Structure formats: structure tokens, C-alpha cells
Amino acid sequence: MTIYETDDVLKWMGAFSKRMNVGPEKFKVLNICGKEKNVIPTIETHKRVLIFADKDHENLFYEFWEAGFGEYDVYFGEGVELTDDIKTEKVKNLIKRKITQPTVVLVVNENTRESYRIGIKNENFSKGPIHYVGNEIRAVIMSLLGIDEHDTAVIVSGESIVIEAAINASEGTIIAVEGTEAEKHSMEENADKFGVNNVKIISDLSAESLATVPVPRIAFIVATKNLEEDIRNLLTVNEQMQFVIYTLQLDILSDIKRIFKIYGLKDMEVIQITVSKTDKRSVFVTQPSPWLISANGPGLNK
């Protein structure tokens, strides 16, 4: 949906740049008119976010406040064409204000750390039926996946991985495979909590389910007895699929080489991660030590 044309965006950027006395390259620009984008995570990792919004996002200011941005400064102007009537206020004073027409909003917090977000602490996720992998191990998994801004990935039974991947793939899509209603509900809670709108939830990797979502580039799979079927189904939609498999089970690990050979997966690499942390008594406690197996589909780099 195009409300703000390129010329309109550039004029607004110029006006805010002059007002803030900073170059336009210092702004992160989000056009959310008619779209659902990851606004909250973007604000959390950028000092100045320039947002072009419409009436579909009437509660935007309240969402900012709910996310903990109450003390952030906001500059905003209404209408498509540039106006001199640009208002400024703290987010906490705007929670009752609705967006009823095209509106340009600049959110400023100079104290924000503009950093790559990886290894979110487990206590930040919603409590549900999921046992979350340790954040140190998750950081390694995210490094193996290499998710970029426009990526599409499928994550099987890995809720916390879904959230971190969705934050990083702000212009892409993360497909979450959650097999039970409880897991689906927990996934929805986490997506809402972290403000990620690019998560698509499906119940399995059947042809019917995969037909409803974009084709993924890479898959992260917490291995089960269905691993071979999952790999076969994913290769059907993309023979260049890249895989990262997570398992704690030796019998699954020992069978993976056979599965990879059948389906022509190549460049197999296996690593095991062990993390020990001190508890309240200063005693080292070892976390579960998973194997991570990566491989590339037969069609990659033919």
C-alpha cells in the first residue's frame, strides 16, 4: 500500500534531519502503511527511528508505552505532504492519542545501544510448555544460521530461535512449526511480547502446510523420529535448502549420516557444545550438551 511516495519520504527525512541537526543516514526508516513490521525491536536497537504510519496502526503510541518506551522522545507530523506543524512529546503523554490519518513519527532515544541482538536471556521469554535452550547455546545456533535482514527460515520446535531469527530478519519471514495447540499458543505469546510480526506459524511440514508460506532458505530442526520426513518435505520445495539439526539423542545422531546420504545432503559438519555455569553456591553445573549438525541441500552451488 503506497501512501508516502519516495519524494514525500525524502522531504520528511530532510525536515527531521534539519530539526535534529543530524544527517539523514542516522535515521532508520520504516514504512508500515498497510503492513505489519517489527517496529518495537527496531526501536530497541536504533537511536532514531522514522516511521510512516496510517490509521491501521491507530494504537501505535500505546504500543510504544506498553513496550517500555514511556520516556522516549517522539516527534510527529500528520498528513502525507510535509508540514511545519511538527509536534514533540514524551511517549508516556501520548498513550491516549490515536493515529487516524497518515502520520510520520520519529522516535528518539540517544541512549539506545545500536547492537546486533543475540543470545536473549531465557527469563525474557513467556512461561509455557517449552524448555528453552540456554542463551549461550542459542547464540552459537544463531551464528550457524546466519539470518539476514531479508531472510526466510523455517524453525521446527525452536521458539526462542524463532524470536531471535525474526528480530534479525526484519524484512523477511520466519516460519515456526509448532505441533500442539499449547506450543502454538506459547509461540503466539512470545511473538506478541517481542513485537515481531514476521512470524508465520504452521503445525507441520506437510506439503499442504508448506504451500501456505514462503519458500525458506534454511531450516533449523530440533530432531525427532520425523526428521527424515521433515528433510524430504523441505527438499521438495527447495533443493538448495540449508540445514542445522539439533539433537541430544545419540541414536538420532548416529542415523543422520544415513539420512543425509539418501537425500544427497553435502558438506556435513558436526559440533557439540558444552556450557557450564556457576549456581548460587558457586558450583559449576553443566547444561545439556547438544550436537549441532549442519549440511547443504544437493542443489546448492551446482
C-alpha atoms as a PDB file:
ATOM      1  CA  MET A   1       0.000   0.000   0.000  1.00  0.00           C
ATOM      2  CA  THR A   2       1.637   3.241  -1.135  1.00  0.00           C
ATOM      3  CA  ILE A   3       0.641   6.355   0.783  1.00  0.00           C
ATOM      4  CA  TYR A   4       4.002   8.057   1.112  1.00  0.00           C
ATOM      5  CA  GLU A   5       5.806   8.252  -2.222  1.00  0.00           C
ATOM      6  CA  THR A   6       9.598   8.420  -2.369  1.00  0.00           C
ATOM      7  CA  ASP A   7       9.574  12.235  -2.685  1.00  0.00           C
ATOM      8  CA  ASP A   8       7.346  12.509   0.398  1.00  0.00           C
ATOM      9  CA  VAL A   9       9.663  10.274   2.420  1.00  0.00           C
ATOM     10  CA  LEU A  10      12.732  12.268   1.410  1.00  0.00           C
ATOM     11  CA  LYS A  11      11.087  15.593   2.299  1.00  0.00           C
ATOM     12  CA  TRP A  12      10.090  14.343   5.757  1.00  0.00           C
ATOM     13  CA  MET A  13      13.558  12.886   6.310  1.00  0.00           C
ATOM     14  CA  GLY A  14      15.105  16.211   5.375  1.00  0.00           C
ATOM     15  CA  ALA A  15      12.847  18.123   7.761  1.00  0.00           C
ATOM     16  CA  PHE A  16      13.573  15.838  10.706  1.00  0.00           C
ATOM     17  CA  SER A  17      17.273  15.766   9.843  1.00  0.00           C
ATOM     18  CA  LYS A  18      17.386  19.570   9.973  1.00  0.00           C
ATOM     19  CA  ARG A  19      15.402  19.689  13.193  1.00  0.00           C
ATOM     20  CA  MET A  20      17.611  17.103  14.917  1.00  0.00           C
ATOM     21  CA  ASN A  21      20.801  18.531  13.372  1.00  0.00           C
ATOM     22  CA  VAL A  22      21.950  15.084  12.255  1.00  0.00           C
ATOM     23  CA  GLY A  23      22.468  13.573   8.810  1.00  0.00           C
ATOM     24  CA  PRO A  24      19.556  11.600   7.250  1.00  0.00           C
ATOM     25  CA  GLU A  25      21.760   8.474   7.261  1.00  0.00           C
ATOM     26  CA  LYS A  26      21.348   8.473  11.049  1.00  0.00           C
ATOM     27  CA  PHE A  27      17.659   7.519  10.724  1.00  0.00           C
ATOM     28  CA  LYS A  28      16.257   4.025  10.453  1.00  0.00           C
ATOM     29  CA  VAL A  29      13.194   4.327   8.192  1.00  0.00           C
ATOM     30  CA  LEU A  30      10.117   2.099   8.496  1.00  0.00           C
ATOM     31  CA  ASN A  31       7.098   2.445   6.215  1.00  0.00           C
ATOM     32  CA  ILE A  32       4.344   0.453   7.940  1.00  0.00           C
ATOM     33  CA  CYS A  33       1.389   1.778   5.946  1.00  0.00           C
ATOM     34  CA  GLY A  34      -0.778  -1.247   5.202  1.00  0.00           C
ATOM     35  CA  LYS A  35       1.958  -3.523   6.574  1.00  0.00           C
ATOM     36  CA  GLU A  36       2.946  -5.293   9.758  1.00  0.00           C
ATOM     37  CA  LYS A  37       6.620  -4.752  10.514  1.00  0.00           C
ATOM     38  CA  ASN A  38       8.829  -5.271  13.546  1.00  0.00           C
ATOM     39  CA  VAL A  39       8.538  -1.766  14.939  1.00  0.00           C
ATOM     40  CA  ILE A  40       9.316  -2.494  18.610  1.00  0.00           C
ATOM     41  CA  PRO A  41      12.537  -4.493  18.020  1.00  0.00           C
ATOM     42  CA  THR A  42      13.695  -1.814  15.569  1.00  0.00           C
ATOM     43  CA  ILE A  43      13.254   0.943  18.153  1.00  0.00           C
ATOM     44  CA  GLU A  44      15.096  -1.161  20.731  1.00  0.00           C
ATOM     45  CA  THR A  45      18.200  -1.309  18.539  1.00  0.00           C
ATOM     46  CA  HIS A  46      18.247   2.134  16.870  1.00  0.00           C
ATOM     47  CA  LYS A  47      18.645   5.617  18.311  1.00  0.00           C
ATOM     48  CA  ARG A  48      16.336   7.316  15.790  1.00  0.00           C
ATOM     49  CA  VAL A  49      13.511   5.511  14.001  1.00  0.00           C
ATOM     50  CA  LEU A  50      11.418   7.391  11.441  1.00  0.00           C
ATOM     51  CA  ILE A  51       8.057   5.679  10.983  1.00  0.00           C
ATOM     52  CA  PHE A  52       5.488   6.314   8.257  1.00  0.00           C
ATOM     53  CA  ALA A  53       2.179   5.032   9.620  1.00  0.00           C
ATOM     54  CA  ASP A  54      -1.512   5.055   8.768  1.00  0.00           C
ATOM     55  CA  LYS A  55      -4.831   4.517  10.541  1.00  0.00           C
ATOM     56  CA  ASP A  56      -4.296   0.734  10.549  1.00  0.00           C
ATOM     57  CA  HIS A  57      -1.854   1.452  13.386  1.00  0.00           C
ATOM     58  CA  GLU A  58      -4.084   3.711  15.458  1.00  0.00           C
ATOM     59  CA  ASN A  59      -2.709   2.433  18.800  1.00  0.00           C
ATOM     60  CA  LEU A  60       0.958   2.864  17.866  1.00  0.00           C
ATOM     61  CA  PHE A  61       1.749   5.277  20.710  1.00  0.00           C
ATOM     62  CA  TYR A  62       0.124   2.974  23.257  1.00  0.00           C
ATOM     63  CA  GLU A  63       2.183   0.070  21.892  1.00  0.00           C
ATOM     64  CA  PHE A  64       5.318   2.164  22.423  1.00  0.00           C
ATOM     65  CA  TRP A  65       4.352   2.820  26.031  1.00  0.00           C
ATOM     66  CA  GLU A  66       3.472  -0.838  26.638  1.00  0.00           C
ATOM     67  CA  ALA A  67       6.929  -1.824  25.313  1.00  0.00           C
ATOM     68  CA  GLY A  68       8.585   0.373  27.945  1.00  0.00           C
ATOM     69  CA  PHE A  69       9.363   3.423  25.803  1.00  0.00           C
ATOM     70  CA  GLY A  70       7.472   5.870  28.031  1.00  0.00           C
ATOM     71  CA  GLU A  71      10.419   8.238  28.486  1.00  0.00           C
ATOM     72  CA  TYR A  72      11.407   8.245  24.806  1.00  0.00           C
ATOM     73  CA  ASP A  73      11.011  11.486  22.860  1.00  0.00           C
ATOM     74  CA  VAL A  74       8.614  11.464  19.912  1.00  0.00           C
ATOM     75  CA  TYR A  75       8.299  13.983  17.076  1.00  0.00           C
ATOM     76  CA  PHE A  76       5.294  13.635  14.764  1.00  0.00           C
ATOM     77  CA  GLY A  77       3.500  15.333  11.933  1.00  0.00           C
ATOM     78  CA  GLU A  78       0.209  14.448  10.280  1.00  0.00           C
ATOM     79  CA  GLY A  79      -0.578  14.208   6.586  1.00  0.00           C
ATOM     80  CA  VAL A  80       1.271  12.973   3.521  1.00  0.00           C
ATOM     81  CA  GLU A  81       2.727  16.310   2.455  1.00  0.00           C
ATOM     82  CA  LEU A  82       5.391  17.932   4.613  1.00  0.00           C
ATOM     83  CA  THR A  83       4.029  20.376   7.174  1.00  0.00           C
ATOM     84  CA  ASP A  84       5.640  22.854   9.561  1.00  0.00           C
ATOM     85  CA  ASP A  85       3.337  21.644  12.315  1.00  0.00           C
ATOM     86  CA  ILE A  86       5.625  19.011  13.855  1.00  0.00           C
ATOM     87  CA  LYS A  87       4.793  18.274  17.482  1.00  0.00           C
ATOM     88  CA  THR A  88       7.080  16.816  20.136  1.00  0.00           C
ATOM     89  CA  GLU A  89       6.178  14.897  23.297  1.00  0.00           C
ATOM     90  CA  LYS A  90       7.198  12.049  25.570  1.00  0.00           C
ATOM     91  CA  VAL A  91       5.633   8.696  24.672  1.00  0.00           C
ATOM     92  CA  LYS A  92       4.025   8.459  28.127  1.00  0.00           C
ATOM     93  CA  ASN A  93       1.945  11.563  27.346  1.00  0.00           C
ATOM     94  CA  LEU A  94       0.589  10.138  24.080  1.00  0.00           C
ATOM     95  CA  ILE A  95      -0.892   6.791  25.157  1.00  0.00           C
ATOM     96  CA  LYS A  96      -4.457   8.001  24.589  1.00  0.00           C
ATOM     97  CA  ARG A  97      -3.714   9.590  21.216  1.00  0.00           C
ATOM     98  CA  LYS A  98      -4.933   7.610  18.203  1.00  0.00           C
ATOM     99  CA  ILE A  99      -3.447   7.693  14.720  1.00  0.00           C
ATOM    100  CA  THR A 100      -6.419   8.446  12.448  1.00  0.00           C
ATOM    101  CA  GLN A 101      -4.632   9.588   9.288  1.00  0.00           C
ATOM    102  CA  PRO A 102      -1.225   9.232   7.604  1.00  0.00           C
ATOM    103  CA  THR A 103       1.310  10.229  10.255  1.00  0.00           C
ATOM    104  CA  VAL A 104       5.093  10.494  10.350  1.00  0.00           C
ATOM    105  CA  VAL A 105       6.606   9.593  13.723  1.00  0.00           C
ATOM    106  CA  LEU A 106      10.233   9.983  14.794  1.00  0.00           C
ATOM    107  CA  VAL A 107      11.123   8.009  17.942  1.00  0.00           C
ATOM    108  CA  VAL A 108      14.334   9.141  19.609  1.00  0.00           C
ATOM    109  CA  ASN A 109      16.372   7.593  22.400  1.00  0.00           C
ATOM    110  CA  GLU A 110      20.018   8.601  22.262  1.00  0.00           C
ATOM    111  CA  ASN A 111      20.875   6.048  24.975  1.00  0.00           C
ATOM    112  CA  THR A 112      19.821   3.076  22.837  1.00  0.00           C
ATOM    113  CA  ARG A 113      22.633   0.646  22.050  1.00  0.00           C
ATOM    114  CA  GLU A 114      22.654   0.064  18.299  1.00  0.00           C
ATOM    115  CA  SER A 115      23.813  -3.526  18.504  1.00  0.00           C
ATOM    116  CA  TYR A 116      23.082  -6.911  16.942  1.00  0.00           C
ATOM    117  CA  ARG A 117      20.744  -8.758  19.276  1.00  0.00           C
ATOM    118  CA  ILE A 118      21.785 -12.330  20.007  1.00  0.00           C
ATOM    119  CA  GLY A 119      21.519 -14.658  22.980  1.00  0.00           C
ATOM    120  CA  ILE A 120      18.385 -13.235  24.655  1.00  0.00           C
ATOM    121  CA  LYS A 121      18.134 -14.374  28.283  1.00  0.00           C
ATOM    122  CA  ASN A 122      15.615 -17.188  28.838  1.00  0.00           C
ATOM    123  CA  GLU A 123      13.792 -15.320  31.588  1.00  0.00           C
ATOM    124  CA  ASN A 124      12.640 -12.801  28.967  1.00  0.00           C
ATOM    125  CA  PHE A 125      10.515 -15.413  27.187  1.00  0.00           C
ATOM    126  CA  SER A 126       6.962 -16.246  28.235  1.00  0.00           C
ATOM    127  CA  LYS A 127       6.464 -19.194  30.540  1.00  0.00           C
ATOM    128  CA  GLY A 128       4.825 -22.089  28.716  1.00  0.00           C
ATOM    129  CA  PRO A 129       5.264 -25.773  27.888  1.00  0.00           C
ATOM    130  CA  ILE A 130       8.587 -25.086  26.143  1.00  0.00           C
ATOM    131  CA  HIS A 131      12.024 -25.904  27.567  1.00  0.00           C
ATOM    132  CA  TYR A 132      14.223 -23.156  26.156  1.00  0.00           C
ATOM    133  CA  VAL A 133      17.785 -23.875  25.093  1.00  0.00           C
ATOM    134  CA  GLY A 134      20.429 -21.950  27.063  1.00  0.00           C
ATOM    135  CA  ASN A 135      21.082 -18.476  25.680  1.00  0.00           C
ATOM    136  CA  GLU A 136      24.798 -19.221  25.173  1.00  0.00           C
ATOM    137  CA  ILE A 137      23.959 -22.240  23.027  1.00  0.00           C
ATOM    138  CA  ARG A 138      21.330 -20.223  21.188  1.00  0.00           C
ATOM    139  CA  ALA A 139      23.978 -17.655  20.315  1.00  0.00           C
ATOM    140  CA  VAL A 140      26.005 -20.403  18.607  1.00  0.00           C
ATOM    141  CA  ILE A 141      22.904 -21.639  16.765  1.00  0.00           C
ATOM    142  CA  MET A 142      22.169 -18.121  15.510  1.00  0.00           C
ATOM    143  CA  SER A 143      25.756 -17.847  14.303  1.00  0.00           C
ATOM    144  CA  LEU A 144      25.354 -21.090  12.324  1.00  0.00           C
ATOM    145  CA  LEU A 145      22.062 -19.922  10.795  1.00  0.00           C
ATOM    146  CA  GLY A 146      23.423 -16.541   9.696  1.00  0.00           C
ATOM    147  CA  ILE A 147      19.966 -14.965   9.374  1.00  0.00           C
ATOM    148  CA  ASP A 148      19.990 -11.674   7.467  1.00  0.00           C
ATOM    149  CA  GLU A 149      17.507  -8.820   7.170  1.00  0.00           C
ATOM    150  CA  HIS A 150      15.554 -10.240   4.201  1.00  0.00           C
ATOM    151  CA  ASP A 151      15.862 -13.942   5.028  1.00  0.00           C
ATOM    152  CA  THR A 152      13.235 -16.676   5.101  1.00  0.00           C
ATOM    153  CA  ALA A 153      13.840 -19.535   7.520  1.00  0.00           C
ATOM    154  CA  VAL A 154      11.825 -22.413   8.949  1.00  0.00           C
ATOM    155  CA  ILE A 155      12.305 -23.303  12.618  1.00  0.00           C
ATOM    156  CA  VAL A 156      10.938 -26.620  13.888  1.00  0.00           C
ATOM    157  CA  SER A 157      10.189 -26.678  17.642  1.00  0.00           C
ATOM    158  CA  GLY A 158      12.594 -23.873  18.465  1.00  0.00           C
ATOM    159  CA  GLU A 159      10.580 -20.971  19.876  1.00  0.00           C
ATOM    160  CA  SER A 160      13.435 -18.874  21.224  1.00  0.00           C
ATOM    161  CA  ILE A 161      15.319 -19.363  17.939  1.00  0.00           C
ATOM    162  CA  VAL A 162      12.199 -18.134  16.106  1.00  0.00           C
ATOM    163  CA  ILE A 163      12.170 -14.892  18.099  1.00  0.00           C
ATOM    164  CA  GLU A 164      15.838 -14.079  17.599  1.00  0.00           C
ATOM    165  CA  ALA A 165      15.620 -15.006  13.918  1.00  0.00           C
ATOM    166  CA  ALA A 166      12.504 -12.846  13.461  1.00  0.00           C
ATOM    167  CA  ILE A 167      14.218  -9.838  15.040  1.00  0.00           C
ATOM    168  CA  ASN A 168      17.181 -10.190  12.702  1.00  0.00           C
ATOM    169  CA  ALA A 169      15.069 -10.931   9.578  1.00  0.00           C
ATOM    170  CA  SER A 170      13.085  -7.719   9.970  1.00  0.00           C
ATOM    171  CA  GLU A 171      12.205  -7.627   6.254  1.00  0.00           C
ATOM    172  CA  GLY A 172      11.861 -11.407   5.884  1.00  0.00           C
ATOM    173  CA  THR A 173       9.709 -14.246   7.195  1.00  0.00           C
ATOM    174  CA  ILE A 174      10.317 -16.799   9.921  1.00  0.00           C
ATOM    175  CA  ILE A 175       8.166 -19.925   9.727  1.00  0.00           C
ATOM    176  CA  ALA A 176       7.561 -21.535  13.115  1.00  0.00           C
ATOM    177  CA  VAL A 177       6.494 -25.182  13.151  1.00  0.00           C
ATOM    178  CA  GLU A 178       4.570 -25.851  16.373  1.00  0.00           C
ATOM    179  CA  GLY A 179       2.834 -29.224  16.582  1.00  0.00           C
ATOM    180  CA  THR A 180       0.462 -28.749  19.518  1.00  0.00           C
ATOM    181  CA  GLU A 181      -2.056 -26.096  20.496  1.00  0.00           C
ATOM    182  CA  ALA A 182      -0.093 -25.361  23.683  1.00  0.00           C
ATOM    183  CA  GLU A 183       3.123 -24.818  21.705  1.00  0.00           C
ATOM    184  CA  LYS A 184       1.288 -22.664  19.174  1.00  0.00           C
ATOM    185  CA  HIS A 185      -0.212 -20.534  21.952  1.00  0.00           C
ATOM    186  CA  SER A 186       3.184 -20.097  23.612  1.00  0.00           C
ATOM    187  CA  MET A 187       4.708 -19.111  20.256  1.00  0.00           C
ATOM    188  CA  GLU A 188       1.986 -16.522  19.713  1.00  0.00           C
ATOM    189  CA  GLU A 189       2.598 -15.115  23.216  1.00  0.00           C
ATOM    190  CA  ASN A 190       6.318 -14.739  22.572  1.00  0.00           C
ATOM    191  CA  ALA A 191       5.803 -13.155  19.146  1.00  0.00           C
ATOM    192  CA  ASP A 192       3.436 -10.625  20.709  1.00  0.00           C
ATOM    193  CA  LYS A 193       5.740  -9.986  23.651  1.00  0.00           C
ATOM    194  CA  PHE A 194       8.752  -9.221  21.453  1.00  0.00           C
ATOM    195  CA  GLY A 195       6.706  -7.306  18.868  1.00  0.00           C
ATOM    196  CA  VAL A 196       7.694  -9.458  15.889  1.00  0.00           C
ATOM    197  CA  ASN A 197       5.094  -9.510  13.120  1.00  0.00           C
ATOM    198  CA  ASN A 198       7.017 -11.584  10.586  1.00  0.00           C
ATOM    199  CA  VAL A 199       6.397 -14.988  12.213  1.00  0.00           C
ATOM    200  CA  LYS A 200       4.128 -17.437  10.377  1.00  0.00           C
ATOM    201  CA  ILE A 201       3.018 -20.458  12.421  1.00  0.00           C
ATOM    202  CA  ILE A 202       2.230 -23.830  10.822  1.00  0.00           C
ATOM    203  CA  SER A 203       1.514 -27.167  12.502  1.00  0.00           C
ATOM    204  CA  ASP A 204       3.795 -29.430  10.440  1.00  0.00           C
ATOM    205  CA  LEU A 205       5.979 -29.689   7.339  1.00  0.00           C
ATOM    206  CA  SER A 206       3.418 -31.386   5.127  1.00  0.00           C
ATOM    207  CA  ALA A 207       3.084 -30.282   1.501  1.00  0.00           C
ATOM    208  CA  GLU A 208      -0.223 -28.637   2.371  1.00  0.00           C
ATOM    209  CA  SER A 209       1.313 -26.561   5.204  1.00  0.00           C
ATOM    210  CA  LEU A 210       4.417 -25.570   3.241  1.00  0.00           C
ATOM    211  CA  ALA A 211       2.228 -24.362   0.363  1.00  0.00           C
ATOM    212  CA  THR A 212       0.837 -21.616   2.653  1.00  0.00           C
ATOM    213  CA  VAL A 213       4.203 -19.972   3.455  1.00  0.00           C
ATOM    214  CA  PRO A 214       7.182 -18.549   1.526  1.00  0.00           C
ATOM    215  CA  VAL A 215       9.920 -20.952   0.467  1.00  0.00           C
ATOM    216  CA  PRO A 216      12.642 -20.965   3.151  1.00  0.00           C
ATOM    217  CA  ARG A 217      16.372 -20.707   2.536  1.00  0.00           C
ATOM    218  CA  ILE A 218      17.450 -22.502   5.700  1.00  0.00           C
ATOM    219  CA  ALA A 219      15.912 -24.827   8.285  1.00  0.00           C
ATOM    220  CA  PHE A 220      16.629 -25.302  11.975  1.00  0.00           C
ATOM    221  CA  ILE A 221      15.166 -28.590  13.222  1.00  0.00           C
ATOM    222  CA  VAL A 222      15.013 -29.970  16.737  1.00  0.00           C
ATOM    223  CA  ALA A 223      15.272 -33.595  15.630  1.00  0.00           C
ATOM    224  CA  THR A 224      12.568 -36.181  16.330  1.00  0.00           C
ATOM    225  CA  LYS A 225      11.611 -39.514  14.773  1.00  0.00           C
ATOM    226  CA  ASN A 226      10.121 -37.435  11.931  1.00  0.00           C
ATOM    227  CA  LEU A 227      13.495 -35.982  10.924  1.00  0.00           C
ATOM    228  CA  GLU A 228      13.818 -37.921   7.660  1.00  0.00           C
ATOM    229  CA  GLU A 229      10.298 -36.963   6.584  1.00  0.00           C
ATOM    230  CA  ASP A 230      10.943 -33.311   7.503  1.00  0.00           C
ATOM    231  CA  ILE A 231      14.127 -33.213   5.399  1.00  0.00           C
ATOM    232  CA  ARG A 232      12.402 -34.878   2.448  1.00  0.00           C
ATOM    233  CA  ASN A 233       9.489 -32.427   2.534  1.00  0.00           C
ATOM    234  CA  LEU A 234      11.743 -29.385   2.767  1.00  0.00           C
ATOM    235  CA  LEU A 235      13.945 -30.517  -0.107  1.00  0.00           C
ATOM    236  CA  THR A 236      10.800 -30.931  -2.201  1.00  0.00           C
ATOM    237  CA  VAL A 237      10.159 -27.181  -2.002  1.00  0.00           C
ATOM    238  CA  ASN A 238      13.831 -26.139  -2.163  1.00  0.00           C
ATOM    239  CA  GLU A 239      16.628 -28.495  -3.198  1.00  0.00           C
ATOM    240  CA  GLN A 240      19.136 -25.805  -2.166  1.00  0.00           C
ATOM    241  CA  MET A 241      17.875 -25.859   1.415  1.00  0.00           C
ATOM    242  CA  GLN A 242      20.483 -25.483   4.142  1.00  0.00           C
ATOM    243  CA  PHE A 243      20.003 -27.371   7.398  1.00  0.00           C
ATOM    244  CA  VAL A 244      21.027 -27.069  11.032  1.00  0.00           C
ATOM    245  CA  ILE A 245      19.883 -30.053  13.109  1.00  0.00           C
ATOM    246  CA  TYR A 246      19.777 -30.005  16.933  1.00  0.00           C
ATOM    247  CA  THR A 247      19.728 -33.209  18.959  1.00  0.00           C
ATOM    248  CA  LEU A 248      20.643 -34.557  22.376  1.00  0.00           C
ATOM    249  CA  GLN A 249      19.984 -38.160  21.333  1.00  0.00           C
ATOM    250  CA  LEU A 250      22.846 -40.412  20.270  1.00  0.00           C
ATOM    251  CA  ASP A 251      20.582 -42.712  18.226  1.00  0.00           C
ATOM    252  CA  ILE A 252      19.392 -39.752  16.122  1.00  0.00           C
ATOM    253  CA  LEU A 253      22.964 -38.527  15.695  1.00  0.00           C
ATOM    254  CA  SER A 254      24.133 -41.953  14.541  1.00  0.00           C
ATOM    255  CA  ASP A 255      21.338 -42.138  11.935  1.00  0.00           C
ATOM    256  CA  ILE A 256      21.823 -38.678  10.444  1.00  0.00           C
ATOM    257  CA  LYS A 257      24.666 -39.670   8.122  1.00  0.00           C
ATOM    258  CA  ARG A 258      22.419 -42.337   6.548  1.00  0.00           C
ATOM    259  CA  ILE A 259      19.598 -39.809   6.052  1.00  0.00           C
ATOM    260  CA  PHE A 260      21.920 -37.219   4.540  1.00  0.00           C
ATOM    261  CA  LYS A 261      23.308 -39.794   2.102  1.00  0.00           C
ATOM    262  CA  ILE A 262      19.837 -40.828   0.927  1.00  0.00           C
ATOM    263  CA  TYR A 263      18.815 -37.242   0.146  1.00  0.00           C
ATOM    264  CA  GLY A 264      22.151 -36.053  -1.190  1.00  0.00           C
ATOM    265  CA  LEU A 265      22.936 -33.571   1.566  1.00  0.00           C
ATOM    266  CA  LYS A 266      26.558 -32.472   1.485  1.00  0.00           C
ATOM    267  CA  ASP A 267      29.189 -30.504   3.434  1.00  0.00           C
ATOM    268  CA  MET A 268      28.126 -32.157   6.675  1.00  0.00           C
ATOM    269  CA  GLU A 269      29.650 -30.713   9.835  1.00  0.00           C
ATOM    270  CA  VAL A 270      29.038 -31.808  13.437  1.00  0.00           C
ATOM    271  CA  ILE A 271      29.845 -29.856  16.574  1.00  0.00           C
ATOM    272  CA  GLN A 272      28.987 -30.461  20.207  1.00  0.00           C
ATOM    273  CA  ILE A 273      28.531 -27.604  22.650  1.00  0.00           C
ATOM    274  CA  THR A 274      29.069 -27.875  26.395  1.00  0.00           C
ATOM    275  CA  VAL A 275      28.304 -24.953  28.702  1.00  0.00           C
ATOM    276  CA  SER A 276      28.936 -24.957  32.445  1.00  0.00           C
ATOM    277  CA  LYS A 277      27.719 -22.165  34.719  1.00  0.00           C
ATOM    278  CA  THR A 278      28.063 -21.492  38.421  1.00  0.00           C
ATOM    279  CA  ASP A 279      24.951 -21.818  40.553  1.00  0.00           C
ATOM    280  CA  LYS A 280      24.062 -19.884  43.721  1.00  0.00           C
ATOM    281  CA  ARG A 281      26.585 -21.955  45.677  1.00  0.00           C
ATOM    282  CA  SER A 282      29.365 -21.183  43.172  1.00  0.00           C
ATOM    283  CA  VAL A 283      29.303 -24.794  41.968  1.00  0.00           C
ATOM    284  CA  PHE A 284      29.700 -25.411  38.253  1.00  0.00           C
ATOM    285  CA  VAL A 285      26.600 -27.015  36.730  1.00  0.00           C
ATOM    286  CA  THR A 286      26.807 -28.433  33.215  1.00  0.00           C
ATOM    287  CA  GLN A 287      23.886 -27.751  30.890  1.00  0.00           C
ATOM    288  CA  PRO A 288      22.665 -30.376  28.382  1.00  0.00           C
ATOM    289  CA  SER A 289      25.286 -30.685  25.625  1.00  0.00           C
ATOM    290  CA  PRO A 290      23.602 -30.835  22.208  1.00  0.00           C
ATOM    291  CA  TRP A 291      25.031 -31.878  18.881  1.00  0.00           C
ATOM    292  CA  LEU A 292      24.527 -29.407  16.042  1.00  0.00           C
ATOM    293  CA  ILE A 293      24.737 -30.927  12.568  1.00  0.00           C
ATOM    294  CA  SER A 294      24.804 -28.660   9.522  1.00  0.00           C
ATOM    295  CA  ALA A 295      24.574 -29.630   5.841  1.00  0.00           C
ATOM    296  CA  ASN A 296      23.605 -28.215   2.450  1.00  0.00           C
ATOM    297  CA  GLY A 297      20.967 -29.427   0.023  1.00  0.00           C
ATOM    298  CA  PRO A 298      22.063 -31.244  -3.155  1.00  0.00           C
ATOM    299  CA  GLY A 299      21.055 -28.312  -5.371  1.00  0.00           C
ATOM    300  CA  LEU A 300      23.235 -25.739  -3.617  1.00  0.00           C
ATOM    301  CA  ASN A 301      26.133 -24.453  -5.732  1.00  0.00           C
ATOM    302  CA  LYS A 302      25.587 -26.991  -8.518  1.00  0.00           C
END
